[in-house]
C-alpha atoms as a PDB file:
ATOM      1  CA  MET A   1      50.698-244.322  -5.899  1.00  0.00           C
ATOM      2  CA  LYS A   2      53.592-242.316  -7.011  1.00  0.00           C
ATOM      3  CA  TYR A   3      55.097-243.190 -10.078  1.00  0.00           C
ATOM      4  CA  GLU A   4      59.031-241.957 -11.362  1.00  0.00           C
ATOM      5  CA  GLU A   5      58.669-239.253 -13.995  1.00  0.00           C
ATOM      6  CA  ASN A   6      60.718-241.801 -16.431  1.00  0.00           C
ATOM      7  CA  THR A   7      57.770-244.509 -15.856  1.00  0.00           C
ATOM      8  CA  LEU A   8      55.043-242.214 -16.737  1.00  0.00           C
ATOM      9  CA  TRP A   9      56.869-241.049 -19.814  1.00  0.00           C
ATOM     10  CA  ASN A  10      57.291-244.573 -21.017  1.00  0.00           C
ATOM     11  CA  ALA A  11      53.665-246.085 -20.272  1.00  0.00           C
ATOM     12  CA  THR A  12      52.727-242.561 -22.094  1.00  0.00           C
ATOM     13  CA  ILE A  13      54.892-243.432 -25.407  1.00  0.00           C
ATOM     14  CA  GLN A  14      53.941-247.063 -25.291  1.00  0.00           C
ATOM     15  CA  CYS A  15      49.883-246.204 -24.805  1.00  0.00           C
ATOM     16  CA  ASP A  16      50.281-248.809 -21.972  1.00  0.00           C
ATOM     17  CA  LYS A  17      46.463-249.381 -20.560  1.00  0.00           C
ATOM     18  CA  ASN A  18      47.579-250.701 -17.486  1.00  0.00           C
ATOM     19  CA  PHE A  19      48.550-247.503 -16.298  1.00  0.00           C
ATOM     20  CA  ASP A  20      44.705-246.097 -17.373  1.00  0.00           C
ATOM     21  CA  GLY A  21      43.057-244.306 -14.329  1.00  0.00           C
ATOM     22  CA  LYS A  22      46.597-244.234 -12.629  1.00  0.00           C
ATOM     23  CA  PHE A  23      47.303-240.826 -13.964  1.00  0.00           C
ATOM     24  CA  PHE A  24      46.729-238.674 -16.922  1.00  0.00           C
ATOM     25  CA  TYR A  25      49.222-237.177 -18.819  1.00  0.00           C
ATOM     26  CA  ALA A  26      48.485-233.661 -20.768  1.00  0.00           C
ATOM     27  CA  VAL A  27      49.938-231.779 -23.749  1.00  0.00           C
ATOM     28  CA  LYS A  28      50.949-227.963 -23.352  1.00  0.00           C
ATOM     29  CA  THR A  29      50.851-227.157 -26.703  1.00  0.00           C
ATOM     30  CA  VAL A  30      46.952-228.253 -27.678  1.00  0.00           C
ATOM     31  CA  GLY A  31      45.574-228.078 -23.855  1.00  0.00           C
ATOM     32  CA  VAL A  32      44.476-231.631 -23.933  1.00  0.00           C
ATOM     33  CA  TYR A  33      44.909-234.644 -21.403  1.00  0.00           C
ATOM     34  CA  CYS A  34      44.758-237.802 -21.989  1.00  0.00           C
ATOM     35  CA  ARG A  35      44.925-241.512 -20.712  1.00  0.00           C
ATOM     36  CA  PRO A  36      47.883-243.183 -21.043  1.00  0.00           C
ATOM     37  CA  SER A  37      46.593-245.641 -23.227  1.00  0.00           C
ATOM     38  CA  CYS A  38      45.609-243.006 -26.076  1.00  0.00           C
ATOM     39  CA  LYS A  39      46.478-243.704 -29.350  1.00  0.00           C
ATOM     40  CA  SER A  40      46.781-240.172 -30.435  1.00  0.00           C
ATOM     41  CA  ARG A  41      49.928-238.604 -31.813  1.00  0.00           C
ATOM     42  CA  THR A  42      52.689-238.953 -29.374  1.00  0.00           C
ATOM     43  CA  PRO A  43      53.565-235.363 -27.968  1.00  0.00           C
ATOM     44  CA  LEU A  44      56.968-234.332 -27.226  1.00  0.00           C
ATOM     45  CA  ARG A  45      58.536-234.845 -23.840  1.00  0.00           C
ATOM     46  CA  LYS A  46      59.234-231.317 -23.118  1.00  0.00           C
ATOM     47  CA  ASN A  47      55.619-230.490 -23.884  1.00  0.00           C
ATOM     48  CA  THR A  48      53.890-233.233 -21.487  1.00  0.00           C
ATOM     49  CA  LEU A  49      52.793-232.870 -18.066  1.00  0.00           C
ATOM     50  CA  PHE A  50      51.411-235.967 -15.591  1.00  0.00           C
ATOM     51  CA  PHE A  51      48.571-235.590 -13.537  1.00  0.00           C
ATOM     52  CA  PRO A  52      47.600-238.132 -10.738  1.00  0.00           C
ATOM     53  CA  THR A  53      43.359-237.526 -11.567  1.00  0.00           C
ATOM     54  CA  SER A  54      41.514-236.060 -14.681  1.00  0.00           C
ATOM     55  CA  GLU A  55      40.338-233.899 -11.909  1.00  0.00           C
ATOM     56  CA  GLU A  56      43.775-232.189 -11.235  1.00  0.00           C
ATOM     57  CA  ALA A  57      44.131-232.048 -15.226  1.00  0.00           C
ATOM     58  CA  GLU A  58      41.312-229.880 -15.589  1.00  0.00           C
ATOM     59  CA  LYS A  59      41.987-228.083 -12.740  1.00  0.00           C
ATOM     60  CA  ASN A  60      45.097-226.857 -14.441  1.00  0.00           C
ATOM     61  CA  GLY A  61      43.039-225.555 -17.685  1.00  0.00           C
ATOM     62  CA  PHE A  62      43.783-228.782 -19.673  1.00  0.00           C
ATOM     63  CA  ARG A  63      40.630-230.178 -21.388  1.00  0.00           C
ATOM     64  CA  ALA A  64      39.356-233.892 -21.796  1.00  0.00           C
ATOM     65  CA  CYS A  65      40.751-235.336 -25.156  1.00  0.00           C
ATOM     66  CA  LYS A  66      38.193-236.333 -27.434  1.00  0.00           C
ATOM     67  CA  ARG A  67      39.527-239.417 -28.368  1.00  0.00           C
ATOM     68  CA  CYS A  68      40.323-241.584 -25.395  1.00  0.00           C
ATOM     69  CA  ARG A  69      37.760-239.577 -23.430  1.00  0.00           C
ATOM     70  CA  PRO A  70      39.457-239.814 -20.085  1.00  0.00           C
ATOM     71  CA  ASP A  71      36.487-238.123 -18.429  1.00  0.00           C
ATOM     72  CA  ILE A  72      34.442-241.057 -18.559  1.00  0.00           C
ATOM     73  CA  LYS A  73      35.205-243.882 -16.590  1.00  0.00           C
ATOM     74  CA  ASN A  74      34.377-246.823 -18.568  1.00  0.00           C
ATOM     75  CA  TYR A  75      34.926-245.560 -22.068  1.00  0.00           C
ATOM     76  CA  THR A  76      35.113-248.491 -24.327  1.00  0.00           C
ATOM     77  CA  PRO A  77      34.761-247.023 -27.779  1.00  0.00           C
ATOM     78  CA  THR A  78      35.647-250.689 -29.499  1.00  0.00           C
ATOM     79  CA  ARG A  79      33.326-252.541 -27.653  1.00  0.00           C
ATOM     80  CA  ASP A  80      30.858-250.164 -28.428  1.00  0.00           C
ATOM     81  CA  LEU A  81      31.316-250.128 -32.392  1.00  0.00           C
ATOM     82  CA  VAL A  82      31.291-253.631 -31.968  1.00  0.00           C
ATOM     83  CA  LYS A  83      27.663-253.925 -30.413  1.00  0.00           C
ATOM     84  CA  LYS A  84      26.762-251.326 -33.030  1.00  0.00           C
ATOM     85  CA  ALA A  85      27.610-253.643 -36.010  1.00  0.00           C
ATOM     86  CA  GLU A  86      26.127-256.703 -34.408  1.00  0.00           C
ATOM     87  CA  ALA A  87      22.602-255.047 -33.896  1.00  0.00           C
ATOM     88  CA  LEU A  88      23.062-254.180 -37.744  1.00  0.00           C
ATOM     89  CA  LEU A  89      23.836-257.723 -38.511  1.00  0.00           C
ATOM     90  CA  ARG A  90      20.963-258.639 -36.368  1.00  0.00           C
ATOM     91  CA  ASN A  91      18.797-257.265 -38.624  1.00  0.00           C
ATOM     92  CA  ASN A  92      20.567-257.952 -41.730  1.00  0.00           C
ATOM     93  CA  ALA A  93      21.863-254.117 -42.164  1.00  0.00           C
ATOM     94  CA  LEU A  94      25.067-254.586 -42.296  1.00  0.00           C
ATOM     95  CA  SER A  95      25.923-253.010 -45.412  1.00  0.00           C
ATOM     96  CA  THR A  96      28.885-251.347 -46.815  1.00  0.00           C
ATOM     97  CA  GLU A  97      27.367-247.718 -46.528  1.00  0.00           C
ATOM     98  CA  GLU A  98      26.578-248.850 -42.570  1.00  0.00           C
ATOM     99  CA  ILE A  99      30.133-249.956 -42.199  1.00  0.00           C
ATOM    100  CA  LYS A 100      30.723-246.168 -43.311  1.00  0.00           C
ATOM    101  CA  LYS A 101      28.617-245.005 -40.925  1.00  0.00           C
ATOM    102  CA  LEU A 102      30.244-246.535 -38.402  1.00  0.00           C
ATOM    103  CA  GLY A 103      33.572-244.874 -39.260  1.00  0.00           C
ATOM    104  CA  VAL A 104      35.788-247.667 -39.373  1.00  0.00           C
ATOM    105  CA  SER A 105      37.073-249.768 -42.557  1.00  0.00           C
ATOM    106  CA  GLN A 106      35.599-253.467 -43.329  1.00  0.00           C
ATOM    107  CA  ASN A 107      38.766-254.851 -42.467  1.00  0.00           C
ATOM    108  CA  HIS A 108      39.300-253.081 -39.192  1.00  0.00           C
ATOM    109  CA  LEU A 109      35.462-254.129 -38.140  1.00  0.00           C
ATOM    110  CA  SER A 110      36.437-257.600 -39.248  1.00  0.00           C
ATOM    111  CA  PHE A 111      39.314-257.511 -36.548  1.00  0.00           C
ATOM    112  CA  LEU A 112      37.352-255.879 -33.719  1.00  0.00           C
ATOM    113  CA  PHE A 113      34.546-258.503 -34.256  1.00  0.00           C
ATOM    114  CA  LYS A 114      37.010-261.498 -34.164  1.00  0.00           C
ATOM    115  CA  LYS A 115      38.403-260.033 -30.985  1.00  0.00           C
ATOM    116  CA  TYR A 116      35.238-260.131 -29.486  1.00  0.00           C
ATOM    117  CA  TYR A 117      32.985-262.436 -30.721  1.00  0.00           C
ATOM    118  CA  GLY A 118      35.802-264.829 -32.282  1.00  0.00           C
ATOM    119  CA  LEU A 119      33.879-264.862 -35.423  1.00  0.00           C
ATOM    120  CA  SER A 120      34.209-262.480 -38.475  1.00  0.00           C
ATOM    121  CA  PRO A 121      30.955-260.601 -38.970  1.00  0.00           C
ATOM    122  CA  LYS A 122      29.895-262.732 -42.014  1.00  0.00           C
ATOM    123  CA  GLU A 123      31.101-265.768 -39.921  1.00  0.00           C
ATOM    124  CA  TYR A 124      28.769-264.000 -37.153  1.00  0.00           C
ATOM    125  CA  LYS A 125      25.712-263.215 -39.892  1.00  0.00           C
ATOM    126  CA  ASP A 126      25.825-266.765 -41.007  1.00  0.00           C
ATOM    127  CA  LYS A 127      25.285-268.441 -37.334  1.00  0.00           C
ATOM    128  CA  ILE A 128      22.080-266.094 -36.716  1.00  0.00           C
ATOM    129  CA  ARG A 129      20.537-266.833 -40.081  1.00  0.00           C
ATOM    130  CA  ILE A 130      21.044-270.238 -39.707  1.00  0.00           C
ATOM    131  CA  LEU A 131      19.806-270.042 -35.815  1.00  0.00           C
ATOM    132  CA  LYS A 132      16.697-267.614 -37.134  1.00  0.00           C
ATOM    133  CA  ALA A 133      16.295-270.689 -39.936  1.00  0.00           C
ATOM    134  CA  GLN A 134      16.171-273.668 -37.821  1.00  0.00           C
ATOM    135  CA  LYS A 135      13.481-271.336 -35.596  1.00  0.00           C
ATOM    136  CA  LEU A 136      11.815-270.610 -38.294  1.00  0.00           C
ATOM    137  CA  LEU A 137      11.350-274.018 -39.531  1.00  0.00           C
ATOM    138  CA  SER A 138      10.662-275.824 -36.316  1.00  0.00           C
ATOM    139  CA  GLU A 139       8.242-273.511 -34.681  1.00  0.00           C
ATOM    140  CA  THR A 140       6.438-271.864 -37.448  1.00  0.00           C
ATOM    141  CA  THR A 141       4.372-272.848 -40.510  1.00  0.00           C
ATOM    142  CA  MET A 142       5.996-270.509 -42.675  1.00  0.00           C
ATOM    143  CA  SER A 143       7.111-271.500 -46.196  1.00  0.00           C
ATOM    144  CA  ILE A 144      10.501-271.908 -46.909  1.00  0.00           C
ATOM    145  CA  THR A 145       9.957-269.258 -49.697  1.00  0.00           C
ATOM    146  CA  GLU A 146       8.794-266.722 -46.847  1.00  0.00           C
ATOM    147  CA  ILE A 147      11.686-267.997 -44.342  1.00  0.00           C
ATOM    148  CA  THR A 148      14.036-267.301 -47.060  1.00  0.00           C
ATOM    149  CA  TYR A 149      13.329-263.662 -47.913  1.00  0.00           C
ATOM    150  CA  HIS A 150      12.543-263.130 -44.124  1.00  0.00           C
ATOM    151  CA  ILE A 151      16.178-263.958 -42.909  1.00  0.00           C
ATOM    152  CA  GLY A 152      17.372-261.708 -45.923  1.00  0.00           C
ATOM    153  CA  PHE A 153      18.007-263.975 -48.920  1.00  0.00           C
ATOM    154  CA  ASN A 154      17.033-262.700 -52.249  1.00  0.00           C
ATOM    155  CA  SER A 155      16.452-266.274 -54.002  1.00  0.00           C
ATOM    156  CA  PRO A 156      15.198-270.046 -52.224  1.00  0.00           C
ATOM    157  CA  SER A 157      18.213-271.395 -54.351  1.00  0.00           C
ATOM    158  CA  ALA A 158      20.853-269.294 -52.332  1.00  0.00           C
ATOM    159  CA  PHE A 159      18.822-270.005 -48.971  1.00  0.00           C
ATOM    160  CA  TYR A 160      18.946-273.661 -49.750  1.00  0.00           C
ATOM    161  CA  SER A 161      22.384-273.583 -51.192  1.00  0.00           C
ATOM    162  CA  PHE A 162      23.484-271.782 -47.520  1.00  0.00           C
ATOM    163  CA  PHE A 163      21.732-273.890 -45.673  1.00  0.00           C
ATOM    164  CA  ARG A 164      22.502-277.338 -46.934  1.00  0.00           C
ATOM    165  CA  LYS A 165      26.431-275.972 -47.100  1.00  0.00           C
ATOM    166  CA  HIS A 166      26.016-275.331 -42.918  1.00  0.00           C
ATOM    167  CA  LEU A 167      23.886-278.360 -41.708  1.00  0.00           C
ATOM    168  CA  GLN A 168      24.505-280.875 -44.222  1.00  0.00           C
ATOM    169  CA  ILE A 169      20.420-280.953 -45.106  1.00  0.00           C
ATOM    170  CA  THR A 170      17.908-279.317 -46.813  1.00  0.00           C
ATOM    171  CA  PRO A 171      15.481-276.819 -45.141  1.00  0.00           C
ATOM    172  CA  LYS A 172      12.283-279.221 -46.004  1.00  0.00           C
ATOM    173  CA  GLN A 173      14.548-282.019 -44.222  1.00  0.00           C
ATOM    174  CA  TYR A 174      15.353-280.092 -41.572  1.00  0.00           C
ATOM    175  CA  ARG A 175      11.667-278.744 -40.677  1.00  0.00           C
ATOM    176  CA  HIS A 176      10.768-282.806 -41.540  1.00  0.00           C
ATOM    177  CA  PHE A 177      12.920-283.967 -38.812  1.00  0.00           C
ATOM    178  CA  SER A 178      12.132-281.486 -36.624  1.00  0.00           C
ATOM    179  CA  LYS A 179       8.218-282.100 -36.568  1.00  0.00           C
ATOM    180  CA  ARG A 180       8.908-285.544 -36.476  1.00  0.00           C
ATOM    181  CA  ASN A 181      11.386-285.181 -33.556  1.00  0.00           C
ATOM    182  CA  GLU A 182       8.320-283.260 -31.694  1.00  0.00           C
ATOM    183  CA  VAL A 183       5.899-286.246 -32.333  1.00  0.00           C
ATOM    184  CA  THR A 184       8.268-288.452 -30.593  1.00  0.00           C
ATOM    185  CA  SER A 185       9.019-286.361 -27.414  1.00  0.00           C
END
């Protein structure tokens, strides 16, 4: 499909992801080509060329942008970043230092996490901890203290407080009710 040059330019300056894959733009001064949705600095119009394919841009001597990676078909850096953060959360390892290693601020990670999961990283971590605690309380004979440390709490009182806040009963009561329900089932 052919587009007018003004349409291509408008898509470029608006970072319109609806045009991704339909054309690529290249910047003469830096020798790079990008997707229309690339968040890099907007080039000057006089330095911009448009190509129907990435191969065409490369044939004309341009290299792929390292930010938007137009040479990779299904490049989704934010989803990949959120998946890495999720894996760290599941292992109780998402510290401030780990967030820095991911290369984003805590606020940006929180924004992305809400976008993909509908929860902040803290809410997601709390949900994981509650589910793990419920599973361990109902399916194992681990003591509540062992469960406390296993799911990443530093003290039983913090775990009790957390558990009660989320489920309105204590871990001991939860274990008692879950064991009683097993017998009656």
